[in-house]
Structures are given as C-alpha cells and as structure tokens.
Amino acid sequence: MLKRWPASLLVFLVLLASGLGSSCKPNQSLNNTKDPKKNEGDKSQDANEEKVDIPSNIAGSYLTCALRKEAKADDLEAQYGCQLTDQGTKKKLDLASTGQRLSWSSSISDGVKITDQDISPIYHVLYNVSAASLDGLQDKVKNLDIIASWKLDSGDVVPVKQDKIVNVLKPAIELEDFEAPIVREQSIQTDRPGSL
C-alpha cells in the first residue's frame, strides 16, 4: 500500500531538489563548491606577488648613461657608462647590499659587450657598442635598450629599469666622470643619436 505524503512536504522536496540541481555543475561534488584547479592557481599567483622583493631604492631610482668614448671612422666602437641614480641625492645608487641580484643586459646582443663595474665610483656597468660602419653604429645605438633586472626569491628575473640609451644619455662631465676619454664641454647632439 502506498503511503500518501502531505502536499507541503512534497513541495518542499521538489524545491530542495531543484535548488541543489541548479547550483551543481557536472562532475562537481556537493561538498566542494570551489574548483580546486582555480584555487591552486590563485595560491601560486599570490605566492609570486609576495616574492616581488625589489628594494624601494632600486624601484625608485632612475637610469642614467653617459658617452665615455665616441666611435670614429678608424675606431668603430663607442663606450657608454650607465648607473642607477638615487632620486634624492642624484648620485650613483649604492648597490653593495644587493649581492648578485641585479644584472644588466640589452635589447641587442650582436656587437654589444657589457661589463659590470663593481668598484667604479661612477658607473654600475659599461656598454661597448661596435658595428661595421658609423651609420650602422648610430642605428644600433638608436635602438639599444639598457635593461637592469632583479632576481626574485623564486629565481625569476624581472626588469626593474629599461629605457633606450638615447633617452637617458647625459654628458660624462655631468656624472663627474673626469676620466672619460672625451672630457670637455659636451652637449647631446639630437640629430646624431648616441653622440655628443
């Protein structure tokens, strides 16, 4: 014999079943309403954001370069010294506490030699740029990006400063580089990028 259910109980069960059915997705457990893959991705993204530990003095510094040696027809190599400059003092930033976490690179590898200047009182790095002709050298310098990168705790390397050398170029004398081969009254020649 069939048992009769009260109408109110039947309505309640129908509503309950339809509510559960609409909130569940295929292959989703009722106990775990969050997608575990999404949750793992959020955790790794949060972990990466937490490991961005670039010191504020480096993040707030600015990139400055100077032409130390201008290329000539018989010597097709130019030399640029670059530094991170403290915003407050306008002097070379002290990077002694950074260890090997700051590295230098460029947007062009062919004909560009980069030399760290750990003991230099003026520059953090020297860029020697060479080409087959003066015109080729000027084109290369016009497109050359100077890149200072920071190594995160995770091992990833992220650029902290990047700019075209022609945008950050100053006369060597302004950076108190009195040993540059071309120490004289200098001004940037805007029609010849990378030249003084």
N, C-alpha and C. Protein backbone atom coordinates (compact mmCIF):
# COMPACT_ATOMS: atom_id res chain seq x y z
N MET A 1 0.82 -1.16 0.00
CA MET A 1 0.00 0.00 0.00
C MET A 1 0.87 1.24 0.00
N LEU A 2 0.51 2.18 -0.83
CA LEU A 2 1.24 3.42 -0.95
C LEU A 2 0.88 4.37 0.17
N LYS A 3 1.93 5.00 0.64
CA LYS A 3 1.73 5.96 1.70
C LYS A 3 1.60 7.33 1.07
N ARG A 4 0.67 8.13 1.52
CA ARG A 4 0.46 9.48 0.99
C ARG A 4 1.29 10.46 1.79
N TRP A 5 1.99 11.30 1.05
CA TRP A 5 2.79 12.34 1.68
C TRP A 5 1.97 13.63 1.73
N PRO A 6 2.16 14.40 2.76
CA PRO A 6 1.45 15.69 2.80
C PRO A 6 1.94 16.56 1.64
N ALA A 7 1.09 17.36 1.08
CA ALA A 7 1.39 18.21 -0.09
C ALA A 7 2.51 19.20 0.22
N SER A 8 2.53 19.73 1.42
CA SER A 8 3.56 20.71 1.76
C SER A 8 4.95 20.07 1.78
N LEU A 9 5.02 18.80 2.22
CA LEU A 9 6.29 18.11 2.23
C LEU A 9 6.77 17.82 0.80
N LEU A 10 5.84 17.46 -0.08
CA LEU A 10 6.19 17.22 -1.47
C LEU A 10 6.70 18.50 -2.14
N VAL A 11 6.07 19.63 -1.90
CA VAL A 11 6.51 20.90 -2.47
C VAL A 11 7.91 21.24 -1.96
N PHE A 12 8.13 21.02 -0.67
CA PHE A 12 9.44 21.30 -0.07
C PHE A 12 10.52 20.44 -0.72
N LEU A 13 10.29 19.15 -0.91
CA LEU A 13 11.27 18.26 -1.52
C LEU A 13 11.55 18.64 -2.97
N VAL A 14 10.52 19.02 -3.71
CA VAL A 14 10.70 19.43 -5.10
C VAL A 14 11.57 20.70 -5.17
N LEU A 15 11.30 21.67 -4.30
CA LEU A 15 12.07 22.91 -4.28
C LEU A 15 13.53 22.64 -3.88
N LEU A 16 13.70 21.77 -2.89
CA LEU A 16 15.04 21.43 -2.43
C LEU A 16 15.83 20.77 -3.55
N ALA A 17 15.23 19.82 -4.25
CA ALA A 17 15.90 19.11 -5.33
C ALA A 17 16.23 20.05 -6.49
N SER A 18 15.33 20.97 -6.82
CA SER A 18 15.61 21.88 -7.93
C SER A 18 16.70 22.88 -7.54
N GLY A 19 16.76 23.30 -6.31
CA GLY A 19 17.80 24.22 -5.84
C GLY A 19 19.16 23.57 -5.87
N LEU A 20 19.25 22.33 -5.44
CA LEU A 20 20.53 21.61 -5.46
C LEU A 20 20.97 21.35 -6.89
N GLY A 21 20.05 21.00 -7.72
CA GLY A 21 20.38 20.69 -9.11
C GLY A 21 20.89 21.91 -9.86
N SER A 22 20.33 23.08 -9.61
CA SER A 22 20.75 24.26 -10.34
C SER A 22 22.08 24.80 -9.86
N SER A 23 22.45 24.53 -8.60
CA SER A 23 23.73 25.04 -8.11
C SER A 23 24.88 24.09 -8.37
N CYS A 24 24.60 22.87 -8.78
CA CYS A 24 25.66 21.90 -9.06
C CYS A 24 26.02 21.92 -10.53
N LYS A 25 27.29 21.75 -10.79
CA LYS A 25 27.77 21.64 -12.16
C LYS A 25 28.13 20.19 -12.39
N PRO A 26 28.17 19.75 -13.65
CA PRO A 26 28.55 18.37 -13.91
C PRO A 26 29.92 18.06 -13.30
N ASN A 27 30.05 16.88 -12.75
CA ASN A 27 31.29 16.40 -12.13
C ASN A 27 31.74 17.24 -10.94
N GLN A 28 30.79 17.92 -10.31
CA GLN A 28 31.16 18.72 -9.15
C GLN A 28 30.53 18.10 -7.91
N SER A 29 31.32 17.95 -6.89
CA SER A 29 30.86 17.39 -5.63
C SER A 29 30.05 18.42 -4.87
N LEU A 30 29.05 17.97 -4.13
CA LEU A 30 28.27 18.88 -3.30
C LEU A 30 29.09 19.40 -2.13
N ASN A 31 30.09 18.66 -1.70
CA ASN A 31 30.90 19.06 -0.56
C ASN A 31 31.93 20.13 -0.91
N ASN A 32 32.38 20.15 -2.14
CA ASN A 32 33.42 21.09 -2.54
C ASN A 32 32.88 21.97 -3.65
N THR A 33 32.41 23.15 -3.31
CA THR A 33 31.80 24.03 -4.30
C THR A 33 32.82 24.85 -5.07
N LYS A 34 34.10 24.86 -4.66
CA LYS A 34 35.13 25.60 -5.37
C LYS A 34 35.88 24.68 -6.32
N ASP A 35 36.32 25.24 -7.42
CA ASP A 35 37.10 24.49 -8.38
C ASP A 35 38.53 24.39 -7.85
N PRO A 36 39.04 23.18 -7.55
CA PRO A 36 40.37 23.07 -6.94
C PRO A 36 41.48 23.60 -7.85
N LYS A 37 41.36 23.47 -9.16
CA LYS A 37 42.39 23.97 -10.06
C LYS A 37 42.49 25.49 -9.96
N LYS A 38 41.34 26.14 -9.88
CA LYS A 38 41.33 27.60 -9.76
C LYS A 38 41.96 28.02 -8.44
N ASN A 39 41.68 27.30 -7.40
CA ASN A 39 42.21 27.61 -6.07
C ASN A 39 43.73 27.49 -6.06
N GLU A 40 44.27 26.44 -6.71
CA GLU A 40 45.72 26.27 -6.78
C GLU A 40 46.36 27.39 -7.57
N GLY A 41 45.75 27.82 -8.66
CA GLY A 41 46.27 28.91 -9.46
C GLY A 41 46.31 30.20 -8.69
N ASP A 42 45.26 30.47 -7.90
CA ASP A 42 45.24 31.69 -7.09
C ASP A 42 46.36 31.68 -6.08
N LYS A 43 46.63 30.50 -5.46
CA LYS A 43 47.70 30.41 -4.47
C LYS A 43 49.06 30.68 -5.08
N SER A 44 49.31 30.11 -6.28
CA SER A 44 50.62 30.33 -6.90
C SER A 44 50.76 31.77 -7.34
N GLN A 45 49.68 32.39 -7.80
CA GLN A 45 49.74 33.79 -8.18
C GLN A 45 50.02 34.66 -6.96
N ASP A 46 49.35 34.37 -5.85
CA ASP A 46 49.60 35.12 -4.62
C ASP A 46 51.03 34.94 -4.16
N ALA A 47 51.57 33.72 -4.27
CA ALA A 47 52.95 33.46 -3.86
C ALA A 47 53.93 34.26 -4.70
N ASN A 48 53.67 34.34 -6.02
CA ASN A 48 54.55 35.12 -6.89
C ASN A 48 54.51 36.60 -6.53
N GLU A 49 53.32 37.11 -6.24
CA GLU A 49 53.20 38.51 -5.87
C GLU A 49 53.92 38.79 -4.56
N GLU A 50 53.90 37.86 -3.63
CA GLU A 50 54.57 38.04 -2.36
C GLU A 50 56.08 38.07 -2.51
N LYS A 51 56.62 37.42 -3.56
CA LYS A 51 58.07 37.31 -3.71
C LYS A 51 58.67 38.46 -4.49
N VAL A 52 57.88 39.44 -4.90
CA VAL A 52 58.42 40.61 -5.56
C VAL A 52 59.01 41.49 -4.47
N ASP A 53 60.33 41.33 -4.27
CA ASP A 53 61.00 41.96 -3.14
C ASP A 53 62.04 42.97 -3.59
N ILE A 54 61.73 43.72 -4.65
CA ILE A 54 62.67 44.71 -5.17
C ILE A 54 62.78 45.84 -4.16
N PRO A 55 63.99 46.15 -3.71
CA PRO A 55 64.15 47.24 -2.74
C PRO A 55 63.61 48.57 -3.28
N SER A 56 63.05 49.36 -2.40
CA SER A 56 62.41 50.61 -2.83
C SER A 56 63.42 51.59 -3.43
N ASN A 57 64.67 51.56 -2.95
CA ASN A 57 65.65 52.49 -3.53
C ASN A 57 65.96 52.15 -5.00
N ILE A 58 65.91 50.86 -5.34
CA ILE A 58 66.13 50.46 -6.74
C ILE A 58 64.87 50.75 -7.56
N ALA A 59 63.72 50.41 -7.02
CA ALA A 59 62.47 50.67 -7.75
C ALA A 59 62.27 52.16 -7.97
N GLY A 60 62.73 53.00 -7.05
CA GLY A 60 62.55 54.43 -7.18
C GLY A 60 63.70 55.16 -7.85
N SER A 61 64.73 54.44 -8.23
CA SER A 61 65.89 55.08 -8.87
C SER A 61 65.59 55.36 -10.34
N TYR A 62 66.48 56.07 -10.98
CA TYR A 62 66.34 56.23 -12.41
C TYR A 62 67.65 55.92 -13.11
N LEU A 63 67.53 55.55 -14.37
CA LEU A 63 68.65 55.10 -15.18
C LEU A 63 69.31 56.30 -15.85
N THR A 64 70.63 56.39 -15.76
CA THR A 64 71.39 57.46 -16.39
C THR A 64 72.62 56.86 -17.06
N CYS A 65 72.91 57.32 -18.28
CA CYS A 65 74.07 56.85 -19.01
C CYS A 65 74.84 58.04 -19.56
N ALA A 66 76.12 57.83 -19.83
CA ALA A 66 76.97 58.86 -20.41
C ALA A 66 77.86 58.24 -21.47
N LEU A 67 78.12 59.02 -22.52
CA LEU A 67 79.04 58.59 -23.56
C LEU A 67 80.45 58.82 -23.06
N ARG A 68 81.22 57.76 -22.97
CA ARG A 68 82.62 57.85 -22.50
C ARG A 68 83.58 57.91 -23.67
N LYS A 69 83.26 57.21 -24.73
CA LYS A 69 84.15 57.17 -25.90
C LYS A 69 83.29 57.14 -27.16
N GLU A 70 83.52 58.12 -28.01
CA GLU A 70 82.75 58.21 -29.25
C GLU A 70 83.46 57.44 -30.36
N ALA A 71 82.68 56.74 -31.18
CA ALA A 71 83.26 55.98 -32.29
C ALA A 71 83.74 56.94 -33.38
N LYS A 72 84.76 56.52 -34.07
CA LYS A 72 85.30 57.29 -35.21
C LYS A 72 85.46 56.34 -36.40
N ALA A 73 85.73 56.89 -37.56
CA ALA A 73 85.84 56.08 -38.77
C ALA A 73 86.92 55.02 -38.64
N ASP A 74 88.01 55.32 -37.91
CA ASP A 74 89.09 54.35 -37.76
C ASP A 74 88.97 53.53 -36.46
N ASP A 75 87.95 53.78 -35.66
CA ASP A 75 87.71 53.03 -34.41
C ASP A 75 86.19 52.93 -34.21
N LEU A 76 85.61 51.86 -34.73
CA LEU A 76 84.14 51.72 -34.77
C LEU A 76 83.57 51.11 -33.49
N GLU A 77 84.00 51.66 -32.35
CA GLU A 77 83.45 51.22 -31.07
C GLU A 77 83.20 52.44 -30.19
N ALA A 78 82.01 52.49 -29.62
CA ALA A 78 81.65 53.54 -28.67
C ALA A 78 81.49 52.91 -27.29
N GLN A 79 81.72 53.70 -26.26
CA GLN A 79 81.56 53.18 -24.89
C GLN A 79 80.63 54.08 -24.12
N TYR A 80 79.68 53.45 -23.44
CA TYR A 80 78.71 54.15 -22.61
C TYR A 80 78.78 53.60 -21.19
N GLY A 81 78.81 54.49 -20.22
CA GLY A 81 78.73 54.09 -18.83
C GLY A 81 77.32 54.35 -18.33
N CYS A 82 76.77 53.41 -17.56
CA CYS A 82 75.40 53.56 -17.06
C CYS A 82 75.36 53.31 -15.56
N GLN A 83 74.41 53.96 -14.91
CA GLN A 83 74.23 53.82 -13.47
C GLN A 83 72.76 53.97 -13.11
N LEU A 84 72.41 53.41 -11.97
CA LEU A 84 71.13 53.71 -11.36
C LEU A 84 71.38 54.88 -10.41
N THR A 85 70.59 55.91 -10.54
CA THR A 85 70.81 57.14 -9.79
C THR A 85 69.74 57.30 -8.71
N ASP A 86 70.18 57.64 -7.51
CA ASP A 86 69.27 57.87 -6.39
C ASP A 86 68.43 59.12 -6.67
N GLN A 87 67.12 59.02 -6.44
CA GLN A 87 66.25 60.16 -6.71
C GLN A 87 66.55 61.35 -5.82
N GLY A 88 66.88 61.10 -4.56
CA GLY A 88 67.12 62.18 -3.62
C GLY A 88 68.44 62.88 -3.82
N THR A 89 69.53 62.10 -3.83
CA THR A 89 70.87 62.70 -3.90
C THR A 89 71.34 62.95 -5.32
N LYS A 90 70.69 62.34 -6.30
CA LYS A 90 71.09 62.43 -7.72
C LYS A 90 72.46 61.82 -7.98
N LYS A 91 72.90 60.96 -7.09
CA LYS A 91 74.20 60.29 -7.20
C LYS A 91 74.01 58.81 -7.51
N LYS A 92 75.11 58.16 -7.86
CA LYS A 92 75.09 56.71 -8.13
C LYS A 92 74.54 55.98 -6.91
N LEU A 93 73.61 55.08 -7.16
CA LEU A 93 72.98 54.30 -6.10
C LEU A 93 73.96 53.27 -5.55
N ASP A 94 74.03 53.13 -4.24
CA ASP A 94 74.89 52.12 -3.62
C ASP A 94 74.21 50.77 -3.70
N LEU A 95 74.80 49.86 -4.44
CA LEU A 95 74.22 48.53 -4.64
C LEU A 95 74.97 47.44 -3.89
N ALA A 96 75.80 47.82 -2.93
CA ALA A 96 76.63 46.85 -2.20
C ALA A 96 75.79 45.78 -1.53
N SER A 97 74.62 46.13 -1.04
CA SER A 97 73.80 45.17 -0.30
C SER A 97 72.97 44.25 -1.21
N THR A 98 72.99 44.47 -2.52
CA THR A 98 72.15 43.67 -3.42
C THR A 98 72.78 42.36 -3.83
N GLY A 99 74.07 42.18 -3.58
CA GLY A 99 74.73 40.94 -3.97
C GLY A 99 74.65 40.74 -5.47
N GLN A 100 74.31 39.55 -5.89
CA GLN A 100 74.23 39.22 -7.32
C GLN A 100 72.80 39.28 -7.83
N ARG A 101 71.95 40.03 -7.19
CA ARG A 101 70.55 40.04 -7.59
C ARG A 101 70.25 41.00 -8.73
N LEU A 102 71.10 42.01 -8.93
CA LEU A 102 70.89 42.96 -10.02
C LEU A 102 71.80 42.57 -11.18
N SER A 103 71.23 42.50 -12.37
CA SER A 103 72.02 42.16 -13.56
C SER A 103 71.69 43.14 -14.68
N TRP A 104 72.60 43.24 -15.63
CA TRP A 104 72.46 44.18 -16.73
C TRP A 104 72.42 43.43 -18.05
N SER A 105 71.61 43.92 -18.96
CA SER A 105 71.53 43.33 -20.30
C SER A 105 71.13 44.43 -21.28
N SER A 106 70.91 44.03 -22.53
CA SER A 106 70.50 45.00 -23.55
C SER A 106 69.54 44.32 -24.52
N SER A 107 68.86 45.15 -25.28
CA SER A 107 67.91 44.63 -26.27
C SER A 107 68.61 44.10 -27.51
N ILE A 108 69.89 44.41 -27.67
CA ILE A 108 70.68 43.96 -28.82
C ILE A 108 71.90 43.22 -28.28
N SER A 109 72.14 42.03 -28.77
CA SER A 109 73.30 41.28 -28.29
C SER A 109 74.48 41.35 -29.25
N ASP A 110 74.21 41.44 -30.54
CA ASP A 110 75.28 41.45 -31.54
C ASP A 110 76.03 42.79 -31.49
N GLY A 111 77.32 42.73 -31.18
CA GLY A 111 78.13 43.94 -31.15
C GLY A 111 78.00 44.75 -29.88
N VAL A 112 77.42 44.17 -28.83
CA VAL A 112 77.28 44.88 -27.55
C VAL A 112 77.94 44.04 -26.47
N LYS A 113 78.96 44.60 -25.83
CA LYS A 113 79.66 43.92 -24.74
C LYS A 113 79.35 44.68 -23.45
N ILE A 114 78.94 43.94 -22.43
CA ILE A 114 78.52 44.53 -21.15
C ILE A 114 79.50 44.12 -20.06
N THR A 115 80.01 45.11 -19.32
CA THR A 115 80.98 44.84 -18.27
C THR A 115 80.53 45.51 -16.98
N ASP A 116 80.27 44.69 -15.95
CA ASP A 116 79.92 45.25 -14.64
C ASP A 116 81.10 46.02 -14.09
N GLN A 117 80.81 47.11 -13.39
CA GLN A 117 81.85 47.96 -12.81
C GLN A 117 81.68 48.01 -11.29
N ASP A 118 81.95 46.90 -10.64
CA ASP A 118 81.71 46.79 -9.20
C ASP A 118 82.48 47.83 -8.38
N ILE A 119 83.68 48.16 -8.80
CA ILE A 119 84.49 49.07 -7.99
C ILE A 119 84.52 50.50 -8.52
N SER A 120 83.83 50.78 -9.61
CA SER A 120 83.83 52.12 -10.18
C SER A 120 83.03 53.08 -9.30
N PRO A 121 83.58 54.26 -9.03
CA PRO A 121 82.82 55.23 -8.24
C PRO A 121 81.72 55.91 -9.05
N ILE A 122 81.72 55.70 -10.37
CA ILE A 122 80.77 56.43 -11.22
C ILE A 122 79.70 55.54 -11.84
N TYR A 123 80.09 54.43 -12.44
CA TYR A 123 79.15 53.61 -13.21
C TYR A 123 78.93 52.25 -12.56
N HIS A 124 77.75 51.72 -12.80
CA HIS A 124 77.48 50.33 -12.42
C HIS A 124 77.90 49.38 -13.53
N VAL A 125 77.86 49.87 -14.77
CA VAL A 125 78.11 49.00 -15.92
C VAL A 125 78.63 49.82 -17.10
N LEU A 126 79.43 49.18 -17.93
CA LEU A 126 79.89 49.79 -19.19
C LEU A 126 79.33 48.98 -20.35
N TYR A 127 78.87 49.68 -21.38
CA TYR A 127 78.39 49.07 -22.61
C TYR A 127 79.34 49.50 -23.73
N ASN A 128 80.03 48.54 -24.34
CA ASN A 128 80.85 48.80 -25.52
C ASN A 128 80.04 48.35 -26.72
N VAL A 129 79.81 49.28 -27.64
CA VAL A 129 78.96 49.02 -28.80
C VAL A 129 79.81 49.18 -30.05
N SER A 130 79.79 48.15 -30.90
CA SER A 130 80.57 48.20 -32.14
C SER A 130 79.70 47.79 -33.33
N ALA A 131 80.13 48.24 -34.50
CA ALA A 131 79.41 47.91 -35.74
C ALA A 131 80.40 48.00 -36.91
N ALA A 132 79.93 47.64 -38.09
CA ALA A 132 80.80 47.63 -39.28
C ALA A 132 81.00 49.02 -39.87
N SER A 133 80.10 49.97 -39.51
CA SER A 133 80.21 51.33 -40.04
C SER A 133 79.67 52.32 -39.02
N LEU A 134 80.01 53.59 -39.20
CA LEU A 134 79.49 54.62 -38.29
C LEU A 134 77.97 54.70 -38.37
N ASP A 135 77.42 54.61 -39.58
CA ASP A 135 75.95 54.64 -39.72
C ASP A 135 75.31 53.45 -39.03
N GLY A 136 75.92 52.28 -39.19
CA GLY A 136 75.40 51.08 -38.53
C GLY A 136 75.47 51.21 -37.02
N LEU A 137 76.53 51.82 -36.52
CA LEU A 137 76.68 52.04 -35.08
C LEU A 137 75.62 53.00 -34.56
N GLN A 138 75.38 54.08 -35.29
CA GLN A 138 74.35 55.03 -34.86
C GLN A 138 72.97 54.39 -34.85
N ASP A 139 72.67 53.57 -35.86
CA ASP A 139 71.38 52.87 -35.88
C ASP A 139 71.25 51.91 -34.70
N LYS A 140 72.34 51.21 -34.41
CA LYS A 140 72.33 50.27 -33.29
C LYS A 140 72.09 51.00 -31.97
N VAL A 141 72.80 52.11 -31.77
CA VAL A 141 72.66 52.88 -30.53
C VAL A 141 71.25 53.45 -30.42
N LYS A 142 70.68 53.89 -31.53
CA LYS A 142 69.34 54.47 -31.52
C LYS A 142 68.30 53.46 -31.03
N ASN A 143 68.53 52.19 -31.29
CA ASN A 143 67.58 51.14 -30.91
C ASN A 143 67.98 50.35 -29.67
N LEU A 144 69.09 50.73 -29.04
CA LEU A 144 69.62 49.97 -27.91
C LEU A 144 68.89 50.30 -26.61
N ASP A 145 68.27 49.29 -26.01
CA ASP A 145 67.67 49.43 -24.68
C ASP A 145 68.66 48.95 -23.63
N ILE A 146 68.82 49.74 -22.58
CA ILE A 146 69.61 49.35 -21.41
C ILE A 146 68.62 48.75 -20.43
N ILE A 147 68.92 47.56 -19.90
CA ILE A 147 67.98 46.85 -19.03
C ILE A 147 68.68 46.46 -17.73
N ALA A 148 68.12 46.90 -16.62
CA ALA A 148 68.57 46.47 -15.29
C ALA A 148 67.50 45.52 -14.76
N SER A 149 67.89 44.29 -14.42
CA SER A 149 66.93 43.27 -13.97
C SER A 149 67.24 42.83 -12.55
N TRP A 150 66.18 42.39 -11.85
CA TRP A 150 66.29 41.96 -10.46
C TRP A 150 65.92 40.49 -10.37
N LYS A 151 66.73 39.71 -9.66
CA LYS A 151 66.45 38.28 -9.47
C LYS A 151 65.58 38.13 -8.22
N LEU A 152 64.38 37.57 -8.40
CA LEU A 152 63.44 37.36 -7.30
C LEU A 152 63.84 36.14 -6.47
N ASP A 153 63.23 36.00 -5.29
CA ASP A 153 63.48 34.83 -4.45
C ASP A 153 63.14 33.54 -5.19
N SER A 154 62.15 33.59 -6.07
CA SER A 154 61.73 32.41 -6.83
C SER A 154 62.75 32.00 -7.89
N GLY A 155 63.72 32.89 -8.17
CA GLY A 155 64.70 32.61 -9.22
C GLY A 155 64.37 33.30 -10.52
N ASP A 156 63.13 33.79 -10.67
CA ASP A 156 62.74 34.52 -11.86
C ASP A 156 63.47 35.86 -11.89
N VAL A 157 63.74 36.35 -13.09
CA VAL A 157 64.41 37.64 -13.27
C VAL A 157 63.42 38.59 -13.94
N VAL A 158 63.21 39.76 -13.32
CA VAL A 158 62.28 40.74 -13.87
C VAL A 158 63.00 42.07 -14.11
N PRO A 159 62.71 42.72 -15.24
CA PRO A 159 63.33 44.03 -15.48
C PRO A 159 62.77 45.06 -14.49
N VAL A 160 63.66 45.85 -13.88
CA VAL A 160 63.20 46.91 -12.97
C VAL A 160 63.38 48.28 -13.61
N LYS A 161 64.35 48.40 -14.50
CA LYS A 161 64.57 49.64 -15.24
C LYS A 161 64.92 49.28 -16.67
N GLN A 162 64.30 49.95 -17.62
CA GLN A 162 64.59 49.71 -19.02
C GLN A 162 64.28 50.98 -19.80
N ASP A 163 65.23 51.41 -20.61
CA ASP A 163 65.00 52.59 -21.44
C ASP A 163 66.01 52.57 -22.59
N LYS A 164 65.68 53.29 -23.65
CA LYS A 164 66.62 53.45 -24.75
C LYS A 164 67.77 54.32 -24.25
N ILE A 165 68.96 53.96 -24.64
CA ILE A 165 70.14 54.69 -24.16
C ILE A 165 70.08 56.16 -24.57
N VAL A 166 69.53 56.44 -25.76
CA VAL A 166 69.46 57.83 -26.21
C VAL A 166 68.51 58.67 -25.34
N ASN A 167 67.58 58.03 -24.63
CA ASN A 167 66.64 58.76 -23.77
C ASN A 167 67.25 59.12 -22.42
N VAL A 168 68.30 58.41 -22.00
CA VAL A 168 68.86 58.62 -20.66
C VAL A 168 70.30 59.11 -20.73
N LEU A 169 70.73 59.57 -21.90
CA LEU A 169 72.11 59.96 -22.12
C LEU A 169 72.39 61.36 -21.59
N LYS A 170 73.50 61.49 -20.85
CA LYS A 170 73.98 62.78 -20.35
C LYS A 170 75.45 62.88 -20.68
N PRO A 171 75.98 64.10 -20.73
CA PRO A 171 77.44 64.23 -20.90
C PRO A 171 78.16 63.61 -19.70
N ALA A 172 79.30 62.98 -19.96
CA ALA A 172 80.06 62.32 -18.90
C ALA A 172 80.42 63.29 -17.78
N ILE A 173 80.66 64.52 -18.13
CA ILE A 173 81.07 65.50 -17.13
C ILE A 173 79.96 65.76 -16.10
N GLU A 174 78.70 65.61 -16.52
CA GLU A 174 77.56 65.79 -15.60
C GLU A 174 77.52 64.68 -14.55
N LEU A 175 78.08 63.52 -14.89
CA LEU A 175 78.13 62.42 -13.93
C LEU A 175 79.46 62.40 -13.18
N GLU A 176 80.22 63.49 -13.31
CA GLU A 176 81.52 63.65 -12.66
C GLU A 176 82.51 62.58 -13.11
N ASP A 177 82.40 62.21 -14.38
CA ASP A 177 83.35 61.28 -14.98
C ASP A 177 84.46 62.10 -15.63
N PHE A 178 85.47 62.47 -14.86
CA PHE A 178 86.56 63.29 -15.36
C PHE A 178 87.64 62.43 -16.03
N GLU A 179 87.48 61.12 -16.02
CA GLU A 179 88.45 60.22 -16.64
C GLU A 179 88.00 59.74 -18.01
N ALA A 180 86.80 60.13 -18.42
CA ALA A 180 86.32 59.72 -19.74
C ALA A 180 87.24 60.28 -20.81
N PRO A 181 87.50 59.50 -21.87
CA PRO A 181 88.40 59.97 -22.92
C PRO A 181 87.93 61.26 -23.60
N ILE A 182 86.68 61.61 -23.47
CA ILE A 182 86.18 62.80 -24.16
C ILE A 182 85.66 63.82 -23.15
N VAL A 183 86.46 64.11 -22.13
CA VAL A 183 86.06 65.11 -21.14
C VAL A 183 86.31 66.49 -21.74
N ARG A 184 85.23 67.20 -21.96
CA ARG A 184 85.26 68.57 -22.48
C ARG A 184 83.85 69.11 -22.31
N GLU A 185 83.62 70.32 -22.70
CA GLU A 185 82.25 70.83 -22.69
C GLU A 185 81.47 70.00 -23.70
N GLN A 186 80.46 69.33 -23.21
CA GLN A 186 79.73 68.40 -24.07
C GLN A 186 78.25 68.73 -24.04
N SER A 187 77.61 68.49 -25.14
CA SER A 187 76.15 68.57 -25.19
C SER A 187 75.66 67.48 -26.13
N ILE A 188 74.46 67.04 -25.90
CA ILE A 188 73.91 65.96 -26.72
C ILE A 188 73.51 66.52 -28.08
N GLN A 189 73.93 65.82 -29.15
CA GLN A 189 73.52 66.21 -30.49
C GLN A 189 72.28 65.43 -30.85
N THR A 190 71.15 66.12 -30.87
CA THR A 190 69.87 65.42 -31.08
C THR A 190 69.75 64.84 -32.49
N ASP A 191 70.48 65.39 -33.45
CA ASP A 191 70.39 64.85 -34.81
C ASP A 191 71.28 63.62 -35.01
N ARG A 192 72.16 63.32 -34.04
CA ARG A 192 73.01 62.13 -34.12
C ARG A 192 72.86 61.34 -32.82
N PRO A 193 71.86 60.47 -32.75
CA PRO A 193 71.61 59.72 -31.51
C PRO A 193 72.84 58.99 -31.03
N GLY A 194 73.12 59.10 -29.72
CA GLY A 194 74.26 58.43 -29.14
C GLY A 194 75.55 59.21 -29.25
N SER A 195 75.47 60.44 -29.77
CA SER A 195 76.67 61.25 -29.95
C SER A 195 76.60 62.50 -29.09
N LEU A 196 77.77 63.09 -28.89
CA LEU A 196 77.87 64.36 -28.16
C LEU A 196 78.36 65.43 -29.11
